Amino acid sequence: MSLQLTPYLKLNGNAKEAIDFYANLLDAKVIRIQTYGQMGMSFPAELHDCVAHAIIKVGESDIMISDSPGIPVQTGDVLSFCLTSRMLNDPSKFLVACSKTASSSLR
């Protein structure tokens, strides 16, 4: 089974700054930036320039970044992971197995 694990950073309104920082520091290539204003949905005006979803490529790896408007980001919850696979016939089995393993290891 071929899996890809992609880090996803949630930030407090400074996603564009982070994208610029990583692009300069790590020579990352900006693949996509979509703001809330570009989504074609109704969002408050103060969110229009906030990043709804961005992807940068660092070497062979992707990093996803977004602002988290209205939901305060706290130390310890700014990073999540996106697990993707084109090989999973039934992703629900995979998710159930992961949740059982995570639940038992947290006890």
PDB file of N, CA and C in Angstrom:
ATOM      1  N   MET A   1       0.846  -1.172   0.000  1.00  0.00           N
ATOM      2  CA  MET A   1       0.000   0.000   0.000  1.00  0.00           C
ATOM      3  C   MET A   1       0.897   1.243   0.000  1.00  0.00           C
ATOM      4  N   SER A   2       0.611   2.162  -0.880  1.00  0.00           N
ATOM      5  CA  SER A   2       1.371   3.391  -0.991  1.00  0.00           C
ATOM      6  C   SER A   2       0.666   4.505  -0.222  1.00  0.00           C
ATOM      7  N   LEU A   3       1.344   5.059   0.787  1.00  0.00           N
ATOM      8  CA  LEU A   3       0.758   6.110   1.603  1.00  0.00           C
ATOM      9  C   LEU A   3       1.618   7.361   1.534  1.00  0.00           C
ATOM     10  N   GLN A   4       0.978   8.506   1.686  1.00  0.00           N
ATOM     11  CA  GLN A   4       1.697   9.760   1.781  1.00  0.00           C
ATOM     12  C   GLN A   4       1.204  10.484   3.021  1.00  0.00           C
ATOM     13  N   LEU A   5       2.123  10.914   3.864  1.00  0.00           N
ATOM     14  CA  LEU A   5       1.807  11.633   5.090  1.00  0.00           C
ATOM     15  C   LEU A   5       2.277  13.072   4.916  1.00  0.00           C
ATOM     16  N   THR A   6       1.331  14.013   4.949  1.00  0.00           N
ATOM     17  CA  THR A   6       1.639  15.414   4.693  1.00  0.00           C
ATOM     18  C   THR A   6       1.346  16.244   5.934  1.00  0.00           C
ATOM     19  N   PRO A   7       2.338  16.978   6.454  1.00  0.00           N
ATOM     20  CA  PRO A   7       2.066  17.857   7.593  1.00  0.00           C
ATOM     21  C   PRO A   7       1.157  19.012   7.185  1.00  0.00           C
ATOM     22  N   TYR A   8       0.274  19.416   8.106  1.00  0.00           N
ATOM     23  CA  TYR A   8      -0.667  20.502   7.864  1.00  0.00           C
ATOM     24  C   TYR A   8      -0.560  21.482   9.032  1.00  0.00           C
ATOM     25  N   LEU A   9      -0.090  22.706   8.753  1.00  0.00           N
ATOM     26  CA  LEU A   9       0.083  23.728   9.775  1.00  0.00           C
ATOM     27  C   LEU A   9      -1.126  24.658   9.807  1.00  0.00           C
ATOM     28  N   LYS A  10      -1.700  24.856  10.995  1.00  0.00           N
ATOM     29  CA  LYS A  10      -2.795  25.812  11.195  1.00  0.00           C
ATOM     30  C   LYS A  10      -2.218  27.015  11.938  1.00  0.00           C
ATOM     31  N   LEU A  11      -2.422  28.213  11.370  1.00  0.00           N
ATOM     32  CA  LEU A  11      -1.823  29.401  11.951  1.00  0.00           C
ATOM     33  C   LEU A  11      -2.856  30.469  12.269  1.00  0.00           C
ATOM     34  N   ASN A  12      -2.457  31.430  13.098  1.00  0.00           N
ATOM     35  CA  ASN A  12      -3.341  32.500  13.567  1.00  0.00           C
ATOM     36  C   ASN A  12      -3.291  33.732  12.672  1.00  0.00           C
ATOM     37  N   GLY A  13      -3.595  33.587  11.401  1.00  0.00           N
ATOM     38  CA  GLY A  13      -3.646  34.743  10.523  1.00  0.00           C
ATOM     39  C   GLY A  13      -2.322  35.136   9.901  1.00  0.00           C
ATOM     40  N   ASN A  14      -1.273  34.361  10.127  1.00  0.00           N
ATOM     41  CA  ASN A  14       0.034  34.695   9.554  1.00  0.00           C
ATOM     42  C   ASN A  14       0.541  33.618   8.592  1.00  0.00           C
ATOM     43  N   ALA A  15      -0.378  32.937   7.943  1.00  0.00           N
ATOM     44  CA  ALA A  15       0.006  31.867   7.013  1.00  0.00           C
ATOM     45  C   ALA A  15       0.830  32.406   5.843  1.00  0.00           C
ATOM     46  N   LYS A  16       0.464  33.574   5.311  1.00  0.00           N
ATOM     47  CA  LYS A  16       1.231  34.132   4.185  1.00  0.00           C
ATOM     48  C   LYS A  16       2.674  34.412   4.601  1.00  0.00           C
ATOM     49  N   GLU A  17       2.861  34.916   5.819  1.00  0.00           N
ATOM     50  CA  GLU A  17       4.211  35.151   6.337  1.00  0.00           C
ATOM     51  C   GLU A  17       4.983  33.837   6.457  1.00  0.00           C
ATOM     52  N   ALA A  18       4.319  32.798   6.952  1.00  0.00           N
ATOM     53  CA  ALA A  18       4.971  31.494   7.097  1.00  0.00           C
ATOM     54  C   ALA A  18       5.359  30.930   5.736  1.00  0.00           C
ATOM     55  N   ILE A  19       4.481  31.090   4.742  1.00  0.00           N
ATOM     56  CA  ILE A  19       4.775  30.594   3.397  1.00  0.00           C
ATOM     57  C   ILE A  19       6.005  31.302   2.844  1.00  0.00           C
ATOM     58  N   ASP A  20       6.063  32.623   2.991  1.00  0.00           N
ATOM     59  CA  ASP A  20       7.234  33.381   2.537  1.00  0.00           C
ATOM     60  C   ASP A  20       8.497  32.942   3.276  1.00  0.00           C
ATOM     61  N   PHE A  21       8.366  32.739   4.596  1.00  0.00           N
ATOM     62  CA  PHE A  21       9.503  32.315   5.411  1.00  0.00           C
ATOM     63  C   PHE A  21      10.062  30.981   4.930  1.00  0.00           C
ATOM     64  N   TYR A  22       9.186  29.988   4.755  1.00  0.00           N
ATOM     65  CA  TYR A  22       9.643  28.666   4.316  1.00  0.00           C
ATOM     66  C   TYR A  22      10.147  28.695   2.879  1.00  0.00           C
ATOM     67  N   ALA A  23       9.530  29.512   2.037  1.00  0.00           N
ATOM     68  CA  ALA A  23       9.985  29.621   0.652  1.00  0.00           C
ATOM     69  C   ALA A  23      11.418  30.147   0.616  1.00  0.00           C
ATOM     70  N   ASN A  24      11.717  31.143   1.459  1.00  0.00           N
ATOM     71  CA  ASN A  24      13.067  31.709   1.488  1.00  0.00           C
ATOM     72  C   ASN A  24      14.057  30.818   2.223  1.00  0.00           C
ATOM     73  N   LEU A  25      13.664  30.318   3.380  1.00  0.00           N
ATOM     74  CA  LEU A  25      14.575  29.530   4.212  1.00  0.00           C
ATOM     75  C   LEU A  25      14.901  28.171   3.601  1.00  0.00           C
ATOM     76  N   LEU A  26      13.883  27.501   3.086  1.00  0.00           N
ATOM     77  CA  LEU A  26      14.046  26.121   2.616  1.00  0.00           C
ATOM     78  C   LEU A  26      13.984  25.998   1.096  1.00  0.00           C
ATOM     79  N   ASP A  27      13.969  27.135   0.412  1.00  0.00           N
ATOM     80  CA  ASP A  27      13.843  27.146  -1.043  1.00  0.00           C
ATOM     81  C   ASP A  27      12.600  26.361  -1.480  1.00  0.00           C
ATOM     82  N   ALA A  28      11.537  26.538  -0.718  1.00  0.00           N
ATOM     83  CA  ALA A  28      10.276  25.843  -1.006  1.00  0.00           C
ATOM     84  C   ALA A  28       9.612  26.472  -2.218  1.00  0.00           C
ATOM     85  N   LYS A  29       8.929  25.639  -2.985  1.00  0.00           N
ATOM     86  CA  LYS A  29       8.167  26.108  -4.136  1.00  0.00           C
ATOM     87  C   LYS A  29       6.702  26.226  -3.724  1.00  0.00           C
ATOM     88  N   VAL A  30       6.113  27.393  -3.956  1.00  0.00           N
ATOM     89  CA  VAL A  30       4.706  27.590  -3.639  1.00  0.00           C
ATOM     90  C   VAL A  30       3.882  26.950  -4.754  1.00  0.00           C
ATOM     91  N   ILE A  31       3.138  25.914  -4.405  1.00  0.00           N
ATOM     92  CA  ILE A  31       2.316  25.191  -5.368  1.00  0.00           C
ATOM     93  C   ILE A  31       0.957  25.867  -5.528  1.00  0.00           C
ATOM     94  N   ARG A  32       0.371  26.265  -4.405  1.00  0.00           N
ATOM     95  CA  ARG A  32      -0.976  26.843  -4.448  1.00  0.00           C
ATOM     96  C   ARG A  32      -1.242  27.647  -3.193  1.00  0.00           C
ATOM     97  N   ILE A  33      -1.876  28.790  -3.366  1.00  0.00           N
ATOM     98  CA  ILE A  33      -2.413  29.561  -2.241  1.00  0.00           C
ATOM     99  C   ILE A  33      -3.827  29.971  -2.620  1.00  0.00           C
ATOM    100  N   GLN A  34      -4.776  29.619  -1.777  1.00  0.00           N
ATOM    101  CA  GLN A  34      -6.162  30.028  -1.981  1.00  0.00           C
ATOM    102  C   GLN A  34      -6.629  30.741  -0.727  1.00  0.00           C
ATOM    103  N   THR A  35      -7.089  31.969  -0.890  1.00  0.00           N
ATOM    104  CA  THR A  35      -7.611  32.719   0.241  1.00  0.00           C
ATOM    105  C   THR A  35      -9.106  32.443   0.401  1.00  0.00           C
ATOM    106  N   TYR A  36      -9.626  32.823   1.555  1.00  0.00           N
ATOM    107  CA  TYR A  36     -11.065  32.677   1.769  1.00  0.00           C
ATOM    108  C   TYR A  36     -11.846  33.519   0.763  1.00  0.00           C
ATOM    109  N   GLY A  37     -11.306  34.680   0.393  1.00  0.00           N
ATOM    110  CA  GLY A  37     -11.965  35.545  -0.576  1.00  0.00           C
ATOM    111  C   GLY A  37     -12.050  34.943  -1.967  1.00  0.00           C
ATOM    112  N   GLN A  38     -11.142  34.017  -2.289  1.00  0.00           N
ATOM    113  CA  GLN A  38     -11.128  33.373  -3.611  1.00  0.00           C
ATOM    114  C   GLN A  38     -12.014  32.144  -3.687  1.00  0.00           C
ATOM    115  N   MET A  39     -12.617  31.762  -2.581  1.00  0.00           N
ATOM    116  CA  MET A  39     -13.369  30.504  -2.551  1.00  0.00           C
ATOM    117  C   MET A  39     -14.757  30.598  -3.169  1.00  0.00           C
ATOM    118  N   GLY A  40     -15.233  31.805  -3.416  1.00  0.00           N
ATOM    119  CA  GLY A  40     -16.558  31.941  -4.011  1.00  0.00           C
ATOM    120  C   GLY A  40     -17.694  31.688  -3.034  1.00  0.00           C
ATOM    121  N   MET A  41     -17.374  31.746  -1.766  1.00  0.00           N
ATOM    122  CA  MET A  41     -18.384  31.573  -0.726  1.00  0.00           C
ATOM    123  C   MET A  41     -18.441  32.860   0.084  1.00  0.00           C
ATOM    124  N   SER A  42     -19.422  32.982   0.922  1.00  0.00           N
ATOM    125  CA  SER A  42     -19.577  34.189   1.718  1.00  0.00           C
ATOM    126  C   SER A  42     -18.805  34.065   3.032  1.00  0.00           C
ATOM    127  N   PHE A  43     -17.779  34.896   3.178  1.00  0.00           N
ATOM    128  CA  PHE A  43     -16.997  34.977   4.409  1.00  0.00           C
ATOM    129  C   PHE A  43     -16.938  36.431   4.828  1.00  0.00           C
ATOM    130  N   PRO A  44     -16.773  36.709   6.112  1.00  0.00           N
ATOM    131  CA  PRO A  44     -16.619  38.103   6.542  1.00  0.00           C
ATOM    132  C   PRO A  44     -15.423  38.760   5.831  1.00  0.00           C
ATOM    133  N   ALA A  45     -15.529  40.049   5.584  1.00  0.00           N
ATOM    134  CA  ALA A  45     -14.506  40.790   4.834  1.00  0.00           C
ATOM    135  C   ALA A  45     -13.114  40.641   5.451  1.00  0.00           C
ATOM    136  N   GLU A  46     -13.024  40.554   6.783  1.00  0.00           N
ATOM    137  CA  GLU A  46     -11.705  40.455   7.426  1.00  0.00           C
ATOM    138  C   GLU A  46     -10.997  39.124   7.135  1.00  0.00           C
ATOM    139  N   LEU A  47     -11.717  38.148   6.596  1.00  0.00           N
ATOM    140  CA  LEU A  47     -11.110  36.853   6.268  1.00  0.00           C
ATOM    141  C   LEU A  47     -10.686  36.747   4.805  1.00  0.00           C
ATOM    142  N   HIS A  48     -11.085  37.682   3.981  1.00  0.00           N
ATOM    143  CA  HIS A  48     -10.857  37.554   2.537  1.00  0.00           C
ATOM    144  C   HIS A  48      -9.392  37.352   2.170  1.00  0.00           C
ATOM    145  N   ASP A  49      -8.462  37.955   2.909  1.00  0.00           N
ATOM    146  CA  ASP A  49      -7.039  37.797   2.597  1.00  0.00           C
ATOM    147  C   ASP A  49      -6.371  36.676   3.384  1.00  0.00           C
ATOM    148  N   CYS A  50      -7.111  36.033   4.277  1.00  0.00           N
ATOM    149  CA  CYS A  50      -6.547  34.910   5.047  1.00  0.00           C
ATOM    150  C   CYS A  50      -6.452  33.675   4.156  1.00  0.00           C
ATOM    151  N   VAL A  51      -5.474  32.851   4.433  1.00  0.00           N
ATOM    152  CA  VAL A  51      -5.228  31.653   3.633  1.00  0.00           C
ATOM    153  C   VAL A  51      -6.170  30.532   4.063  1.00  0.00           C
ATOM    154  N   ALA A  52      -6.994  30.081   3.127  1.00  0.00           N
ATOM    155  CA  ALA A  52      -7.880  28.944   3.377  1.00  0.00           C
ATOM    156  C   ALA A  52      -7.130  27.632   3.179  1.00  0.00           C
ATOM    157  N   HIS A  53      -6.243  27.610   2.171  1.00  0.00           N
ATOM    158  CA  HIS A  53      -5.464  26.400   1.897  1.00  0.00           C
ATOM    159  C   HIS A  53      -4.260  26.759   1.035  1.00  0.00           C
ATOM    160  N   ALA A  54      -3.122  26.267   1.430  1.00  0.00           N
ATOM    161  CA  ALA A  54      -1.903  26.466   0.645  1.00  0.00           C
ATOM    162  C   ALA A  54      -1.087  25.186   0.669  1.00  0.00           C
ATOM    163  N   ILE A  55      -0.343  24.981  -0.401  1.00  0.00           N
ATOM    164  CA  ILE A  55       0.583  23.846  -0.485  1.00  0.00           C
ATOM    165  C   ILE A  55       1.923  24.385  -0.939  1.00  0.00           C
ATOM    166  N   ILE A  56       2.973  24.036  -0.187  1.00  0.00           N
ATOM    167  CA  ILE A  56       4.331  24.339  -0.619  1.00  0.00           C
ATOM    168  C   ILE A  56       5.086  23.025  -0.723  1.00  0.00           C
ATOM    169  N   LYS A  57       6.072  22.998  -1.583  1.00  0.00           N
ATOM    170  CA  LYS A  57       6.879  21.799  -1.778  1.00  0.00           C
ATOM    171  C   LYS A  57       8.295  22.091  -1.299  1.00  0.00           C
ATOM    172  N   VAL A  58       8.756  21.281  -0.367  1.00  0.00           N
ATOM    173  CA  VAL A  58      10.111  21.375   0.158  1.00  0.00           C
ATOM    174  C   VAL A  58      10.819  20.104  -0.274  1.00  0.00           C
ATOM    175  N   GLY A  59      11.712  20.218  -1.243  1.00  0.00           N
ATOM    176  CA  GLY A  59      12.319  19.025  -1.816  1.00  0.00           C
ATOM    177  C   GLY A  59      11.234  18.189  -2.465  1.00  0.00           C
ATOM    178  N   GLU A  60      11.086  16.951  -2.012  1.00  0.00           N
ATOM    179  CA  GLU A  60      10.053  16.056  -2.550  1.00  0.00           C
ATOM    180  C   GLU A  60       8.800  16.021  -1.668  1.00  0.00           C
ATOM    181  N   SER A  61       8.810  16.788  -0.584  1.00  0.00           N
ATOM    182  CA  SER A  61       7.712  16.738   0.376  1.00  0.00           C
ATOM    183  C   SER A  61       6.800  17.946   0.256  1.00  0.00           C
ATOM    184  N   ASP A  62       5.506  17.724   0.482  1.00  0.00           N
ATOM    185  CA  ASP A  62       4.531  18.804   0.527  1.00  0.00           C
ATOM    186  C   ASP A  62       4.278  19.187   1.977  1.00  0.00           C
ATOM    187  N   ILE A  63       3.972  20.466   2.185  1.00  0.00           N
ATOM    188  CA  ILE A  63       3.487  20.962   3.471  1.00  0.00           C
ATOM    189  C   ILE A  63       2.234  21.766   3.162  1.00  0.00           C
ATOM    190  N   MET A  64       1.157  21.504   3.890  1.00  0.00           N
ATOM    191  CA  MET A  64      -0.074  22.268   3.722  1.00  0.00           C
ATOM    192  C   MET A  64      -0.156  23.279   4.862  1.00  0.00           C
ATOM    193  N   ILE A  65      -0.648  24.470   4.540  1.00  0.00           N
ATOM    194  CA  ILE A  65      -0.705  25.560   5.514  1.00  0.00           C
ATOM    195  C   ILE A  65      -2.036  26.286   5.359  1.00  0.00           C
ATOM    196  N   SER A  66      -2.627  26.702   6.484  1.00  0.00           N
ATOM    197  CA  SER A  66      -3.830  27.532   6.422  1.00  0.00           C
ATOM    198  C   SER A  66      -3.911  28.405   7.663  1.00  0.00           C
ATOM    199  N   ASP A  67      -4.690  29.473   7.530  1.00  0.00           N
ATOM    200  CA  ASP A  67      -5.058  30.257   8.697  1.00  0.00           C
ATOM    201  C   ASP A  67      -6.248  29.573   9.342  1.00  0.00           C
ATOM    202  N   SER A  68      -6.405  29.793  10.620  1.00  0.00           N
ATOM    203  CA  SER A  68      -7.497  29.173  11.370  1.00  0.00           C
ATOM    204  C   SER A  68      -8.363  30.268  11.987  1.00  0.00           C
ATOM    205  N   PRO A  69      -9.102  30.993  11.150  1.00  0.00           N
ATOM    206  CA  PRO A  69      -9.868  32.135  11.669  1.00  0.00           C
ATOM    207  C   PRO A  69     -11.009  31.708  12.575  1.00  0.00           C
ATOM    208  N   GLY A  70     -11.151  32.454  13.661  1.00  0.00           N
ATOM    209  CA  GLY A  70     -12.253  32.187  14.583  1.00  0.00           C
ATOM    210  C   GLY A  70     -12.000  31.043  15.546  1.00  0.00           C
ATOM    211  N   ILE A  71     -10.949  30.286  15.312  1.00  0.00           N
ATOM    212  CA  ILE A  71     -10.596  29.171  16.196  1.00  0.00           C
ATOM    213  C   ILE A  71      -9.182  29.436  16.681  1.00  0.00           C
ATOM    214  N   PRO A  72      -9.023  29.888  17.912  1.00  0.00           N
ATOM    215  CA  PRO A  72      -7.677  30.202  18.398  1.00  0.00           C
ATOM    216  C   PRO A  72      -6.752  28.984  18.320  1.00  0.00           C
ATOM    217  N   VAL A  73      -5.589  29.209  17.767  1.00  0.00           N
ATOM    218  CA  VAL A  73      -4.589  28.155  17.666  1.00  0.00           C
ATOM    219  C   VAL A  73      -3.707  28.240  18.902  1.00  0.00           C
ATOM    220  N   GLN A  74      -3.531  27.113  19.567  1.00  0.00           N
ATOM    221  CA  GLN A  74      -2.733  27.071  20.784  1.00  0.00           C
ATOM    222  C   GLN A  74      -1.525  26.174  20.572  1.00  0.00           C
ATOM    223  N   THR A  75      -0.483  26.420  21.328  1.00  0.00           N
ATOM    224  CA  THR A  75       0.698  25.578  21.264  1.00  0.00           C
ATOM    225  C   THR A  75       0.285  24.122  21.454  1.00  0.00           C
ATOM    226  N   GLY A  76       0.717  23.283  20.550  1.00  0.00           N
ATOM    227  CA  GLY A  76       0.405  21.868  20.632  1.00  0.00           C
ATOM    228  C   GLY A  76      -0.690  21.428  19.677  1.00  0.00           C
ATOM    229  N   ASP A  77      -1.449  22.381  19.132  1.00  0.00           N
ATOM    230  CA  ASP A  77      -2.497  21.958  18.197  1.00  0.00           C
ATOM    231  C   ASP A  77      -2.356  22.624  16.827  1.00  0.00           C
ATOM    232  N   VAL A  78      -1.157  23.098  16.511  1.00  0.00           N
ATOM    233  CA  VAL A  78      -0.950  23.772  15.224  1.00  0.00           C
ATOM    234  C   VAL A  78      -0.575  22.809  14.108  1.00  0.00           C
ATOM    235  N   LEU A  79      -0.300  21.581  14.437  1.00  0.00           N
ATOM    236  CA  LEU A  79       0.146  20.618  13.438  1.00  0.00           C
ATOM    237  C   LEU A  79      -0.768  19.407  13.416  1.00  0.00           C
ATOM    238  N   SER A  80      -1.220  19.080  12.228  1.00  0.00           N
ATOM    239  CA  SER A  80      -1.945  17.827  12.025  1.00  0.00           C
ATOM    240  C   SER A  80      -1.338  17.173  10.787  1.00  0.00           C
ATOM    241  N   PHE A  81      -1.805  16.009  10.448  1.00  0.00           N
ATOM    242  CA  PHE A  81      -1.266  15.307   9.291  1.00  0.00           C
ATOM    243  C   PHE A  81      -2.398  14.878   8.373  1.00  0.00           C
ATOM    244  N   CYS A  82      -2.127  14.925   7.100  1.00  0.00           N
ATOM    245  CA  CYS A  82      -3.069  14.448   6.091  1.00  0.00           C
ATOM    246  C   CYS A  82      -2.490  13.156   5.521  1.00  0.00           C
ATOM    247  N   LEU A  83      -3.222  12.083   5.642  1.00  0.00           N
ATOM    248  CA  LEU A  83      -2.798  10.784   5.148  1.00  0.00           C
ATOM    249  C   LEU A  83      -3.561  10.490   3.868  1.00  0.00           C
ATOM    250  N   THR A  84      -2.837  10.291   2.770  1.00  0.00           N
ATOM    251  CA  THR A  84      -3.488  10.012   1.492  1.00  0.00           C
ATOM    252  C   THR A  84      -2.938   8.737   0.879  1.00  0.00           C
ATOM    253  N   SER A  85      -3.803   8.060   0.152  1.00  0.00           N
ATOM    254  CA  SER A  85      -3.404   6.856  -0.554  1.00  0.00           C
ATOM    255  C   SER A  85      -4.352   6.624  -1.714  1.00  0.00           C
ATOM    256  N   ARG A  86      -3.805   6.230  -2.820  1.00  0.00           N
ATOM    257  CA  ARG A  86      -4.624   5.838  -3.966  1.00  0.00           C
ATOM    258  C   ARG A  86      -4.823   4.331  -3.983  1.00  0.00           C
ATOM    259  N   MET A  87      -4.273   3.661  -2.995  1.00  0.00           N
ATOM    260  CA  MET A  87      -4.290   2.206  -2.986  1.00  0.00           C
ATOM    261  C   MET A  87      -5.336   1.630  -2.030  1.00  0.00           C
ATOM    262  N   LEU A  88      -5.981   2.473  -1.238  1.00  0.00           N
ATOM    263  CA  LEU A  88      -6.946   1.952  -0.273  1.00  0.00           C
ATOM    264  C   LEU A  88      -8.268   1.639  -0.960  1.00  0.00           C
ATOM    265  N   ASN A  89      -8.660   0.371  -0.937  1.00  0.00           N
ATOM    266  CA  ASN A  89      -9.953  -0.023  -1.503  1.00  0.00           C
ATOM    267  C   ASN A  89     -11.093   0.411  -0.597  1.00  0.00           C
ATOM    268  N   ASP A  90     -10.895   0.284   0.701  1.00  0.00           N
ATOM    269  CA  ASP A  90     -11.927   0.652   1.663  1.00  0.00           C
ATOM    270  C   ASP A  90     -11.284   1.475   2.773  1.00  0.00           C
ATOM    271  N   PRO A  91     -11.274   2.808   2.631  1.00  0.00           N
ATOM    272  CA  PRO A  91     -10.605   3.640   3.628  1.00  0.00           C
ATOM    273  C   PRO A  91     -11.231   3.560   5.011  1.00  0.00           C
ATOM    274  N   SER A  92     -12.505   3.190   5.104  1.00  0.00           N
ATOM    275  CA  SER A  92     -13.144   3.120   6.417  1.00  0.00           C
ATOM    276  C   SER A  92     -12.479   2.053   7.291  1.00  0.00           C
ATOM    277  N   LYS A  93     -12.069   0.934   6.710  1.00  0.00           N
ATOM    278  CA  LYS A  93     -11.378  -0.105   7.485  1.00  0.00           C
ATOM    279  C   LYS A  93     -10.075   0.429   8.052  1.00  0.00           C
ATOM    280  N   PHE A  94      -9.350   1.180   7.244  1.00  0.00           N
ATOM    281  CA  PHE A  94      -8.082   1.765   7.661  1.00  0.00           C
ATOM    282  C   PHE A  94      -8.312   2.743   8.814  1.00  0.00           C
ATOM    283  N   LEU A  95      -9.317   3.615   8.689  1.00  0.00           N
ATOM    284  CA  LEU A  95      -9.604   4.602   9.724  1.00  0.00           C
ATOM    285  C   LEU A  95     -10.049   3.944  11.026  1.00  0.00           C
ATOM    286  N   VAL A  96     -10.872   2.912  10.930  1.00  0.00           N
ATOM    287  CA  VAL A  96     -11.319   2.197  12.129  1.00  0.00           C
ATOM    288  C   VAL A  96     -10.124   1.554  12.827  1.00  0.00           C
ATOM    289  N   ALA A  97      -9.240   0.935  12.061  1.00  0.00           N
ATOM    290  CA  ALA A  97      -8.051   0.299  12.650  1.00  0.00           C
ATOM    291  C   ALA A  97      -7.155   1.341  13.317  1.00  0.00           C
ATOM    292  N   CYS A  98      -6.982   2.478  12.691  1.00  0.00           N
ATOM    293  CA  CYS A  98      -6.163   3.545  13.279  1.00  0.00           C
ATOM    294  C   CYS A  98      -6.784   4.070  14.565  1.00  0.00           C
ATOM    295  N   SER A  99      -8.087   4.276  14.572  1.00  0.00           N
ATOM    296  CA  SER A  99      -8.736   4.816  15.766  1.00  0.00           C
ATOM    297  C   SER A  99      -8.681   3.816  16.921  1.00  0.00           C
ATOM    298  N   LYS A 100      -8.810   2.524  16.650  1.00  0.00           N
ATOM    299  CA  LYS A 100      -8.710   1.516  17.707  1.00  0.00           C
ATOM    300  C   LYS A 100      -7.299   1.490  18.286  1.00  0.00           C
ATOM    301  N   THR A 101      -6.297   1.581  17.426  1.00  0.00           N
ATOM    302  CA  THR A 101      -4.914   1.566  17.867  1.00  0.00           C
ATOM    303  C   THR A 101      -4.615   2.810  18.693  1.00  0.00           C
ATOM    304  N   ALA A 102      -5.050   3.968  18.221  1.00  0.00           N
ATOM    305  CA  ALA A 102      -4.810   5.217  18.936  1.00  0.00           C
ATOM    306  C   ALA A 102      -5.502   5.212  20.283  1.00  0.00           C
ATOM    307  N   SER A 103      -6.750   4.732  20.330  1.00  0.00           N
ATOM    308  CA  SER A 103      -7.497   4.699  21.573  1.00  0.00           C
ATOM    309  C   SER A 103      -6.839   3.784  22.588  1.00  0.00           C
ATOM    310  N   SER A 104      -6.390   2.627  22.157  1.00  0.00           N
ATOM    311  CA  SER A 104      -5.783   1.685  23.098  1.00  0.00           C
ATOM    312  C   SER A 104      -4.411   2.161  23.562  1.00  0.00           C
ATOM    313  N   SER A 105      -3.670   2.874  22.699  1.00  0.00           N
ATOM    314  CA  SER A 105      -2.334   3.316  23.100  1.00  0.00           C
ATOM    315  C   SER A 105      -2.384   4.538  24.012  1.00  0.00           C
ATOM    316  N   LEU A 106      -3.526   5.215  24.089  1.00  0.00           N
ATOM    317  CA  LEU A 106      -3.651   6.383  24.943  1.00  0.00           C
ATOM    318  C   LEU A 106      -4.099   6.040  26.360  1.00  0.00           C
ATOM    319  N   ARG A 107      -4.454   4.808  26.576  1.00  0.00           N
ATOM    320  CA  ARG A 107      -4.936   4.403  27.905  1.00  0.00           C
ATOM    321  C   ARG A 107      -3.810   4.223  28.850  1.00  0.00           C
TER     322      ARG A 107
END
